[in-house]
PDB file of all heavy atoms in Angstrom:
ATOM      1  N   PHE A   1       2.731  -7.208  -3.488  1.00  0.00           N
ATOM      2  CA  PHE A   1       1.764  -7.768  -2.550  1.00  0.00           C
ATOM      3  C   PHE A   1       0.718  -8.634  -3.245  1.00  0.00           C
ATOM      4  O   PHE A   1       0.058  -9.443  -2.599  1.00  0.00           O
ATOM      5  CB  PHE A   1       1.102  -6.651  -1.738  1.00  0.00           C
ATOM      6  CG  PHE A   1       1.944  -6.186  -0.588  1.00  0.00           C
ATOM      7  CD1 PHE A   1       2.949  -5.250  -0.779  1.00  0.00           C
ATOM      8  CD2 PHE A   1       1.761  -6.699   0.686  1.00  0.00           C
ATOM      9  CE1 PHE A   1       3.751  -4.835   0.273  1.00  0.00           C
ATOM     10  CE2 PHE A   1       2.550  -6.295   1.750  1.00  0.00           C
ATOM     11  CZ  PHE A   1       3.555  -5.359   1.546  1.00  0.00           C
ATOM     12  N   ASP A   2       0.598  -8.491  -4.560  1.00  0.00           N
ATOM     13  CA  ASP A   2      -0.341  -9.333  -5.312  1.00  0.00           C
ATOM     14  C   ASP A   2       0.205 -10.748  -5.482  1.00  0.00           C
ATOM     15  O   ASP A   2      -0.516 -11.638  -5.947  1.00  0.00           O
ATOM     16  CB  ASP A   2      -0.617  -8.699  -6.683  1.00  0.00           C
ATOM     17  CG  ASP A   2      -1.828  -9.315  -7.376  1.00  0.00           C
ATOM     18  OD1 ASP A   2      -2.812  -9.641  -6.682  1.00  0.00           O
ATOM     19  OD2 ASP A   2      -1.797  -9.469  -8.605  1.00  0.00           O
ATOM     20  N   LEU A   3       1.460 -10.986  -5.089  1.00  0.00           N
ATOM     21  CA  LEU A   3       1.998 -12.345  -5.115  1.00  0.00           C
ATOM     22  C   LEU A   3       1.258 -13.229  -4.116  1.00  0.00           C
ATOM     23  O   LEU A   3       1.234 -14.448  -4.258  1.00  0.00           O
ATOM     24  CB  LEU A   3       3.495 -12.325  -4.778  1.00  0.00           C
ATOM     25  CG  LEU A   3       4.412 -11.681  -5.822  1.00  0.00           C
ATOM     26  CD1 LEU A   3       5.828 -11.567  -5.296  1.00  0.00           C
ATOM     27  CD2 LEU A   3       4.397 -12.487  -7.110  1.00  0.00           C
ATOM     28  N   VAL A   4       0.662 -12.610  -3.099  1.00  0.00           N
ATOM     29  CA  VAL A   4      -0.177 -13.343  -2.143  1.00  0.00           C
ATOM     30  C   VAL A   4      -1.616 -13.260  -2.632  1.00  0.00           C
ATOM     31  O   VAL A   4      -2.136 -12.166  -2.859  1.00  0.00           O
ATOM     32  CB  VAL A   4      -0.060 -12.741  -0.730  1.00  0.00           C
ATOM     33  CG1 VAL A   4      -0.989 -13.468   0.240  1.00  0.00           C
ATOM     34  CG2 VAL A   4       1.384 -12.816  -0.245  1.00  0.00           C
ATOM     35  N   PRO A   5      -2.296 -14.388  -2.815  1.00  0.00           N
ATOM     36  CA  PRO A   5      -3.678 -14.364  -3.339  1.00  0.00           C
ATOM     37  C   PRO A   5      -4.619 -13.570  -2.447  1.00  0.00           C
ATOM     38  O   PRO A   5      -4.474 -13.551  -1.232  1.00  0.00           O
ATOM     39  CB  PRO A   5      -4.079 -15.847  -3.347  1.00  0.00           C
ATOM     40  CG  PRO A   5      -2.785 -16.582  -3.392  1.00  0.00           C
ATOM     41  CD  PRO A   5      -1.809 -15.764  -2.619  1.00  0.00           C
ATOM     42  N   GLY A   6      -5.595 -12.902  -3.069  1.00  0.00           N
ATOM     43  CA  GLY A   6      -6.644 -12.222  -2.314  1.00  0.00           C
ATOM     44  C   GLY A   6      -6.449 -10.732  -2.130  1.00  0.00           C
ATOM     45  O   GLY A   6      -7.187 -10.109  -1.364  1.00  0.00           O
ATOM     46  N   LEU A   7      -5.484 -10.110  -2.824  1.00  0.00           N
ATOM     47  CA  LEU A   7      -5.273  -8.671  -2.682  1.00  0.00           C
ATOM     48  C   LEU A   7      -6.485  -7.914  -3.218  1.00  0.00           C
ATOM     49  O   LEU A   7      -6.901  -8.112  -4.357  1.00  0.00           O
ATOM     50  CB  LEU A   7      -4.014  -8.234  -3.438  1.00  0.00           C
ATOM     51  CG  LEU A   7      -3.667  -6.744  -3.355  1.00  0.00           C
ATOM     52  CD1 LEU A   7      -3.356  -6.328  -1.921  1.00  0.00           C
ATOM     53  CD2 LEU A   7      -2.482  -6.420  -4.261  1.00  0.00           C
ATOM     54  N   GLU A   8      -7.071  -7.048  -2.381  1.00  0.00           N
ATOM     55  CA  GLU A   8      -8.241  -6.269  -2.789  1.00  0.00           C
ATOM     56  C   GLU A   8      -7.857  -4.866  -3.231  1.00  0.00           C
ATOM     57  O   GLU A   8      -8.370  -4.364  -4.219  1.00  0.00           O
ATOM     58  CB  GLU A   8      -9.259  -6.210  -1.649  1.00  0.00           C
ATOM     59  CG  GLU A   8      -9.925  -7.555  -1.371  1.00  0.00           C
ATOM     60  CD  GLU A   8     -11.068  -7.449  -0.389  1.00  0.00           C
ATOM     61  OE1 GLU A   8     -11.066  -6.507   0.449  1.00  0.00           O
ATOM     62  OE2 GLU A   8     -11.976  -8.292  -0.441  1.00  0.00           O
ATOM     63  N   TYR A   9      -6.991  -4.203  -2.486  1.00  0.00           N
ATOM     64  CA  TYR A   9      -6.515  -2.899  -2.949  1.00  0.00           C
ATOM     65  C   TYR A   9      -5.196  -2.534  -2.293  1.00  0.00           C
ATOM     66  O   TYR A   9      -4.803  -3.064  -1.260  1.00  0.00           O
ATOM     67  CB  TYR A   9      -7.552  -1.796  -2.714  1.00  0.00           C
ATOM     68  CG  TYR A   9      -7.775  -1.383  -1.272  1.00  0.00           C
ATOM     69  CD1 TYR A   9      -6.873  -0.556  -0.604  1.00  0.00           C
ATOM     70  CD2 TYR A   9      -8.914  -1.775  -0.581  1.00  0.00           C
ATOM     71  CE1 TYR A   9      -7.085  -0.149   0.698  1.00  0.00           C
ATOM     72  CE2 TYR A   9      -9.144  -1.378   0.721  1.00  0.00           C
ATOM     73  CZ  TYR A   9      -8.229  -0.569   1.358  1.00  0.00           C
ATOM     74  OH  TYR A   9      -8.437  -0.174   2.656  1.00  0.00           O
ATOM     75  N   CYS A  10      -4.491  -1.618  -2.957  1.00  0.00           N
ATOM     76  CA  CYS A  10      -3.197  -1.110  -2.494  1.00  0.00           C
ATOM     77  C   CYS A  10      -3.223   0.400  -2.676  1.00  0.00           C
ATOM     78  O   CYS A  10      -3.279   0.890  -3.804  1.00  0.00           O
ATOM     79  CB  CYS A  10      -2.058  -1.749  -3.300  1.00  0.00           C
ATOM     80  SG  CYS A  10      -0.440  -0.995  -3.044  1.00  0.00           S
ATOM     81  N   ASP A  11      -3.217   1.134  -1.580  1.00  0.00           N
ATOM     82  CA  ASP A  11      -3.313   2.587  -1.618  1.00  0.00           C
ATOM     83  C   ASP A  11      -1.987   3.188  -1.159  1.00  0.00           C
ATOM     84  O   ASP A  11      -1.644   3.126   0.025  1.00  0.00           O
ATOM     85  CB  ASP A  11      -4.464   3.053  -0.718  1.00  0.00           C
ATOM     86  CG  ASP A  11      -4.637   4.565  -0.747  1.00  0.00           C
ATOM     87  OD1 ASP A  11      -4.187   5.196  -1.730  1.00  0.00           O
ATOM     88  OD2 ASP A  11      -5.204   5.129   0.209  1.00  0.00           O
ATOM     89  N   VAL A  12      -1.236   3.755  -2.086  1.00  0.00           N
ATOM     90  CA  VAL A  12       0.079   4.322  -1.779  1.00  0.00           C
ATOM     91  C   VAL A  12      -0.046   5.813  -1.473  1.00  0.00           C
ATOM     92  O   VAL A  12      -0.715   6.550  -2.192  1.00  0.00           O
ATOM     93  CB  VAL A  12       1.053   4.109  -2.955  1.00  0.00           C
ATOM     94  CG1 VAL A  12       2.340   4.902  -2.750  1.00  0.00           C
ATOM     95  CG2 VAL A  12       1.368   2.632  -3.107  1.00  0.00           C
ATOM     96  N   GLN A  13       0.599   6.229  -0.382  1.00  0.00           N
ATOM     97  CA  GLN A  13       0.603   7.643   0.004  1.00  0.00           C
ATOM     98  C   GLN A  13       2.044   8.083   0.221  1.00  0.00           C
ATOM     99  O   GLN A  13       2.936   7.260   0.387  1.00  0.00           O
ATOM    100  CB  GLN A  13      -0.227   7.846   1.273  1.00  0.00           C
ATOM    101  CG  GLN A  13      -1.673   7.394   1.137  1.00  0.00           C
ATOM    102  CD  GLN A  13      -2.412   7.441   2.457  1.00  0.00           C
ATOM    103  OE1 GLN A  13      -1.938   8.030   3.419  1.00  0.00           O
ATOM    104  NE2 GLN A  13      -3.577   6.817   2.500  1.00  0.00           N
ATOM    105  N   ARG A  14       2.262   9.380   0.222  1.00  0.00           N
ATOM    106  CA  ARG A  14       3.615   9.898   0.409  1.00  0.00           C
ATOM    107  C   ARG A  14       3.591  11.104   1.338  1.00  0.00           C
ATOM    108  O   ARG A  14       2.740  11.983   1.197  1.00  0.00           O
ATOM    109  CB  ARG A  14       4.233  10.281  -0.937  1.00  0.00           C
ATOM    110  CG  ARG A  14       5.657  10.835  -0.829  1.00  0.00           C
ATOM    111  CD  ARG A  14       6.248  11.174  -2.175  1.00  0.00           C
ATOM    112  NE  ARG A  14       6.350  10.008  -3.047  1.00  0.00           N
ATOM    113  CZ  ARG A  14       6.894  10.059  -4.252  1.00  0.00           C
ATOM    114  NH1 ARG A  14       7.356  11.198  -4.729  1.00  0.00           N
ATOM    115  NH2 ARG A  14       6.955   8.973  -4.986  1.00  0.00           N
ATOM    116  N   ASP A  15       4.534  11.107   2.282  1.00  0.00           N
ATOM    117  CA  ASP A  15       4.668  12.242   3.197  1.00  0.00           C
ATOM    118  C   ASP A  15       5.520  13.308   2.509  1.00  0.00           C
ATOM    119  O   ASP A  15       6.702  13.082   2.256  1.00  0.00           O
ATOM    120  CB  ASP A  15       5.335  11.778   4.496  1.00  0.00           C
ATOM    121  CG  ASP A  15       5.364  12.882   5.555  1.00  0.00           C
ATOM    122  OD1 ASP A  15       5.383  14.064   5.166  1.00  0.00           O
ATOM    123  OD2 ASP A  15       5.367  12.560   6.750  1.00  0.00           O
ATOM    124  N   PRO A  16       4.942  14.479   2.180  1.00  0.00           N
ATOM    125  CA  PRO A  16       5.699  15.503   1.452  1.00  0.00           C
ATOM    126  C   PRO A  16       6.862  16.076   2.250  1.00  0.00           C
ATOM    127  O   PRO A  16       7.787  16.658   1.690  1.00  0.00           O
ATOM    128  CB  PRO A  16       4.641  16.585   1.163  1.00  0.00           C
ATOM    129  CG  PRO A  16       3.611  16.390   2.239  1.00  0.00           C
ATOM    130  CD  PRO A  16       3.575  14.917   2.505  1.00  0.00           C
ATOM    131  N   HIS A  17       6.830  15.901   3.587  1.00  0.00           N
ATOM    132  CA  HIS A  17       7.896  16.470   4.420  1.00  0.00           C
ATOM    133  C   HIS A  17       9.091  15.537   4.546  1.00  0.00           C
ATOM    134  O   HIS A  17      10.238  15.983   4.606  1.00  0.00           O
ATOM    135  CB  HIS A  17       7.339  16.803   5.810  1.00  0.00           C
ATOM    136  CG  HIS A  17       6.171  17.751   5.772  1.00  0.00           C
ATOM    137  ND1 HIS A  17       6.292  19.077   5.393  1.00  0.00           N
ATOM    138  CD2 HIS A  17       4.852  17.555   6.036  1.00  0.00           C
ATOM    139  CE1 HIS A  17       5.108  19.661   5.438  1.00  0.00           C
ATOM    140  NE2 HIS A  17       4.209  18.761   5.824  1.00  0.00           N
ATOM    141  N   THR A  18       8.854  14.252   4.602  1.00  0.00           N
ATOM    142  CA  THR A  18       9.944  13.294   4.798  1.00  0.00           C
ATOM    143  C   THR A  18      10.278  12.502   3.540  1.00  0.00           C
ATOM    144  O   THR A  18      11.319  11.866   3.457  1.00  0.00           O
ATOM    145  CB  THR A  18       9.590  12.294   5.915  1.00  0.00           C
ATOM    146  OG1 THR A  18       8.450  11.524   5.495  1.00  0.00           O
ATOM    147  CG2 THR A  18       9.247  13.021   7.202  1.00  0.00           C
ATOM    148  N   ASN A  19       9.365  12.500   2.552  1.00  0.00           N
ATOM    149  CA  ASN A  19       9.531  11.731   1.314  1.00  0.00           C
ATOM    150  C   ASN A  19       9.571  10.223   1.567  1.00  0.00           C
ATOM    151  O   ASN A  19      10.048   9.457   0.743  1.00  0.00           O
ATOM    152  CB  ASN A  19      10.802  12.151   0.566  1.00  0.00           C
ATOM    153  CG  ASN A  19      10.700  11.823  -0.924  1.00  0.00           C
ATOM    154  OD1 ASN A  19       9.643  11.968  -1.525  1.00  0.00           O
ATOM    155  ND2 ASN A  19      11.808  11.400  -1.520  1.00  0.00           N
ATOM    156  N   SER A  20       9.085   9.803   2.734  1.00  0.00           N
ATOM    157  CA  SER A  20       9.055   8.373   3.023  1.00  0.00           C
ATOM    158  C   SER A  20       7.837   7.742   2.362  1.00  0.00           C
ATOM    159  O   SER A  20       6.936   8.429   1.888  1.00  0.00           O
ATOM    160  CB  SER A  20       9.010   8.139   4.537  1.00  0.00           C
ATOM    161  OG  SER A  20       7.873   8.774   5.097  1.00  0.00           O
ATOM    162  N   GLY A  21       7.820   6.424   2.323  1.00  0.00           N
ATOM    163  CA  GLY A  21       6.716   5.715   1.694  1.00  0.00           C
ATOM    164  C   GLY A  21       5.735   5.180   2.712  1.00  0.00           C
ATOM    165  O   GLY A  21       6.123   4.706   3.785  1.00  0.00           O
ATOM    166  N   TYR A  22       4.456   5.242   2.375  1.00  0.00           N
ATOM    167  CA  TYR A  22       3.416   4.685   3.243  1.00  0.00           C
ATOM    168  C   TYR A  22       2.303   4.140   2.356  1.00  0.00           C
ATOM    169  O   TYR A  22       1.924   4.763   1.365  1.00  0.00           O
ATOM    170  CB  TYR A  22       2.851   5.754   4.181  1.00  0.00           C
ATOM    171  CG  TYR A  22       1.716   5.244   5.040  1.00  0.00           C
ATOM    172  CD1 TYR A  22       1.970   4.442   6.154  1.00  0.00           C
ATOM    173  CD2 TYR A  22       0.390   5.538   4.732  1.00  0.00           C
ATOM    174  CE1 TYR A  22       0.930   3.956   6.934  1.00  0.00           C
ATOM    175  CE2 TYR A  22      -0.649   5.054   5.512  1.00  0.00           C
ATOM    176  CZ  TYR A  22      -0.373   4.263   6.611  1.00  0.00           C
ATOM    177  OH  TYR A  22      -1.394   3.777   7.379  1.00  0.00           O
ATOM    178  N   ALA A  23       1.798   2.961   2.703  1.00  0.00           N
ATOM    179  CA  ALA A  23       0.724   2.366   1.916  1.00  0.00           C
ATOM    180  C   ALA A  23      -0.190   1.551   2.811  1.00  0.00           C
ATOM    181  O   ALA A  23       0.216   1.045   3.859  1.00  0.00           O
ATOM    182  CB  ALA A  23       1.289   1.475   0.809  1.00  0.00           C
ATOM    183  N   VAL A  24      -1.454   1.446   2.396  1.00  0.00           N
ATOM    184  CA  VAL A  24      -2.425   0.595   3.073  1.00  0.00           C
ATOM    185  C   VAL A  24      -2.789  -0.537   2.110  1.00  0.00           C
ATOM    186  O   VAL A  24      -3.144  -0.294   0.957  1.00  0.00           O
ATOM    187  CB  VAL A  24      -3.691   1.381   3.467  1.00  0.00           C
ATOM    188  CG1 VAL A  24      -4.742   0.438   4.048  1.00  0.00           C
ATOM    189  CG2 VAL A  24      -3.346   2.472   4.466  1.00  0.00           C
ATOM    190  N   ILE A  25      -2.660  -1.755   2.590  1.00  0.00           N
ATOM    191  CA  ILE A  25      -2.924  -2.953   1.797  1.00  0.00           C
ATOM    192  C   ILE A  25      -4.114  -3.680   2.417  1.00  0.00           C
ATOM    193  O   ILE A  25      -4.171  -3.825   3.639  1.00  0.00           O
ATOM    194  CB  ILE A  25      -1.713  -3.901   1.793  1.00  0.00           C
ATOM    195  CG1 ILE A  25      -0.440  -3.171   1.345  1.00  0.00           C
ATOM    196  CG2 ILE A  25      -2.000  -5.133   0.943  1.00  0.00           C
ATOM    197  CD1 ILE A  25      -0.375  -2.825  -0.101  1.00  0.00           C
ATOM    198  N   GLN A  26      -5.046  -4.153   1.599  1.00  0.00           N
ATOM    199  CA  GLN A  26      -6.146  -4.947   2.143  1.00  0.00           C
ATOM    200  C   GLN A  26      -6.336  -6.223   1.332  1.00  0.00           C
ATOM    201  O   GLN A  26      -6.315  -6.208   0.101  1.00  0.00           O
ATOM    202  CB  GLN A  26      -7.458  -4.167   2.171  1.00  0.00           C
ATOM    203  CG  GLN A  26      -8.618  -4.997   2.748  1.00  0.00           C
ATOM    204  CD  GLN A  26      -9.781  -4.140   3.211  1.00  0.00           C
ATOM    205  OE1 GLN A  26      -9.595  -3.152   3.922  1.00  0.00           O
ATOM    206  NE2 GLN A  26     -10.978  -4.505   2.809  1.00  0.00           N
ATOM    207  N   TYR A  27      -6.530  -7.336   2.061  1.00  0.00           N
ATOM    208  CA  TYR A  27      -6.790  -8.632   1.448  1.00  0.00           C
ATOM    209  C   TYR A  27      -8.227  -9.068   1.719  1.00  0.00           C
ATOM    210  O   TYR A  27      -8.902  -8.516   2.592  1.00  0.00           O
ATOM    211  CB  TYR A  27      -5.817  -9.688   1.988  1.00  0.00           C
ATOM    212  CG  TYR A  27      -4.410  -9.518   1.486  1.00  0.00           C
ATOM    213  CD1 TYR A  27      -3.475  -8.798   2.226  1.00  0.00           C
ATOM    214  CD2 TYR A  27      -3.999 -10.055   0.272  1.00  0.00           C
ATOM    215  CE1 TYR A  27      -2.175  -8.621   1.758  1.00  0.00           C
ATOM    216  CE2 TYR A  27      -2.711  -9.891  -0.200  1.00  0.00           C
ATOM    217  CZ  TYR A  27      -1.798  -9.168   0.551  1.00  0.00           C
ATOM    218  OH  TYR A  27      -0.524  -8.992   0.081  1.00  0.00           O
ATOM    219  N   SER A  28      -8.672 -10.077   0.991  1.00  0.00           N
ATOM    220  CA  SER A  28     -10.041 -10.567   1.152  1.00  0.00           C
ATOM    221  C   SER A  28     -10.206 -11.391   2.420  1.00  0.00           C
ATOM    222  O   SER A  28     -11.317 -11.546   2.914  1.00  0.00           O
ATOM    223  CB  SER A  28     -10.453 -11.402  -0.067  1.00  0.00           C
ATOM    224  OG  SER A  28      -9.554 -12.491  -0.248  1.00  0.00           O
TER     225      SER A  28
END
């Protein structure tokens, strides 16, 4: 996601029950 200019943060989370991926991305 940093390939797009203006990335402020990337917060990766994981569901322990499903093992799926989830993340919150924020740009400027």
